[in-house]
Amino acid sequence: MSRYSMVVQWSDEDRLFLVTIPEFADRVVMPCTHGKTRESAIRNGEESPVTLKQLGFFRHEIMQQAVLNSL
């Protein structure tokens, strides 16, 4: 389970449940994922932080942690 907040909202325009993760709002375009059902949107939202980390969106945080760990 993710340690981040998640907002799931229905979009009449898109006819999908859209997921926003407030902690990422300054790093990636929101909504960051979606789903045809609330459950699939939540599942996708829980996977988003892992995917974003794999893509290197948080590389600076990884580097900062490595520096702190070396002290």
C-alpha atoms as a PDB file:
ATOM      1  CA  MET A   1       0.000   0.000   0.000  1.00  0.00           C
ATOM      2  CA  SER A   2       1.165   3.513  -0.792  1.00  0.00           C
ATOM      3  CA  ARG A   3       2.198   5.987   1.878  1.00  0.00           C
ATOM      4  CA  TYR A   4       0.889   8.890  -0.193  1.00  0.00           C
ATOM      5  CA  SER A   5      -2.483  10.633  -0.206  1.00  0.00           C
ATOM      6  CA  MET A   6      -4.796   9.905  -3.091  1.00  0.00           C
ATOM      7  CA  VAL A   7      -7.857  11.772  -4.380  1.00  0.00           C
ATOM      8  CA  VAL A   8     -10.199   9.813  -6.658  1.00  0.00           C
ATOM      9  CA  GLN A   9     -12.830  11.812  -8.537  1.00  0.00           C
ATOM     10  CA  TRP A  10     -15.322  10.948 -11.253  1.00  0.00           C
ATOM     11  CA  SER A  11     -14.962  12.940 -14.489  1.00  0.00           C
ATOM     12  CA  ASP A  12     -18.163  13.272 -16.529  1.00  0.00           C
ATOM     13  CA  GLU A  13     -16.106  14.653 -19.419  1.00  0.00           C
ATOM     14  CA  ASP A  14     -13.656  11.727 -19.505  1.00  0.00           C
ATOM     15  CA  ARG A  15     -16.129   9.166 -18.136  1.00  0.00           C
ATOM     16  CA  LEU A  16     -13.325   7.835 -15.941  1.00  0.00           C
ATOM     17  CA  PHE A  17     -12.235   7.994 -12.322  1.00  0.00           C
ATOM     18  CA  LEU A  18      -9.234  10.342 -12.168  1.00  0.00           C
ATOM     19  CA  VAL A  19      -6.519  10.010  -9.531  1.00  0.00           C
ATOM     20  CA  THR A  20      -4.530  12.882  -8.089  1.00  0.00           C
ATOM     21  CA  ILE A  21      -1.670  12.400  -5.627  1.00  0.00           C
ATOM     22  CA  PRO A  22      -1.269  15.775  -3.870  1.00  0.00           C
ATOM     23  CA  GLU A  23       2.329  15.103  -2.816  1.00  0.00           C
ATOM     24  CA  PHE A  24       3.329  14.877  -6.504  1.00  0.00           C
ATOM     25  CA  ALA A  25       1.425  17.943  -7.730  1.00  0.00           C
ATOM     26  CA  ASP A  26       4.616  20.006  -8.078  1.00  0.00           C
ATOM     27  CA  ARG A  27       6.466  17.194  -9.919  1.00  0.00           C
ATOM     28  CA  VAL A  28       4.081  15.664 -12.445  1.00  0.00           C
ATOM     29  CA  VAL A  29       0.976  16.683 -14.367  1.00  0.00           C
ATOM     30  CA  MET A  30      -2.221  15.779 -12.543  1.00  0.00           C
ATOM     31  CA  PRO A  31      -4.269  13.690 -12.663  1.00  0.00           C
ATOM     32  CA  CYS A  32      -1.464  11.157 -12.676  1.00  0.00           C
ATOM     33  CA  THR A  33      -3.599   8.133 -13.541  1.00  0.00           C
ATOM     34  CA  HIS A  34      -7.182   6.955 -14.019  1.00  0.00           C
ATOM     35  CA  GLY A  35      -9.450   3.930 -14.186  1.00  0.00           C
ATOM     36  CA  LYS A  36     -12.782   2.833 -15.621  1.00  0.00           C
ATOM     37  CA  THR A  37     -13.862   1.745 -12.144  1.00  0.00           C
ATOM     38  CA  ARG A  38     -13.083   3.275  -8.755  1.00  0.00           C
ATOM     39  CA  GLU A  39     -11.237   0.107  -7.800  1.00  0.00           C
ATOM     40  CA  SER A  40      -9.031   0.136 -10.900  1.00  0.00           C
ATOM     41  CA  ALA A  41      -8.294   3.848 -10.401  1.00  0.00           C
ATOM     42  CA  ILE A  42      -7.219   3.171  -6.811  1.00  0.00           C
ATOM     43  CA  ARG A  43      -5.048   0.241  -7.902  1.00  0.00           C
ATOM     44  CA  ASN A  44      -3.426   2.411 -10.589  1.00  0.00           C
ATOM     45  CA  GLY A  45      -2.947   5.205  -8.058  1.00  0.00           C
ATOM     46  CA  GLU A  46      -1.189   2.847  -5.676  1.00  0.00           C
ATOM     47  CA  GLU A  47       1.169   1.786  -8.480  1.00  0.00           C
ATOM     48  CA  SER A  48       1.909   5.362  -9.636  1.00  0.00           C
ATOM     49  CA  PRO A  49       4.613   6.198  -7.046  1.00  0.00           C
ATOM     50  CA  VAL A  50       6.530   3.031  -7.961  1.00  0.00           C
ATOM     51  CA  THR A  51       6.259   3.787 -11.684  1.00  0.00           C
ATOM     52  CA  LEU A  52       7.311   7.409 -11.204  1.00  0.00           C
ATOM     53  CA  LYS A  53      10.341   6.325  -9.168  1.00  0.00           C
ATOM     54  CA  GLN A  54      11.300   3.791 -11.834  1.00  0.00           C
ATOM     55  CA  LEU A  55      11.122   6.548 -14.446  1.00  0.00           C
ATOM     56  CA  GLY A  56      13.488   8.676 -12.365  1.00  0.00           C
ATOM     57  CA  PHE A  57      11.096  11.400 -11.277  1.00  0.00           C
ATOM     58  CA  PHE A  58      12.509  11.239  -7.746  1.00  0.00           C
ATOM     59  CA  ARG A  59      16.171  10.770  -8.627  1.00  0.00           C
ATOM     60  CA  HIS A  60      17.181  13.865  -6.611  1.00  0.00           C
ATOM     61  CA  GLU A  61      15.487  12.388  -3.530  1.00  0.00           C
ATOM     62  CA  ILE A  62      17.346   9.109  -4.009  1.00  0.00           C
ATOM     63  CA  MET A  63      20.622  11.031  -4.290  1.00  0.00           C
ATOM     64  CA  GLN A  64      19.841  13.066  -1.180  1.00  0.00           C
ATOM     65  CA  GLN A  65      19.092   9.888   0.776  1.00  0.00           C
ATOM     66  CA  ALA A  66      22.334   8.295  -0.402  1.00  0.00           C
ATOM     67  CA  VAL A  67      24.292  11.342   0.816  1.00  0.00           C
ATOM     68  CA  LEU A  68      22.528  11.273   4.177  1.00  0.00           C
ATOM     69  CA  ASN A  69      23.180   7.545   4.547  1.00  0.00           C
ATOM     70  CA  SER A  70      26.883   8.044   3.880  1.00  0.00           C
ATOM     71  CA  LEU A  71      27.286  10.545   6.735  1.00  0.00           C
END
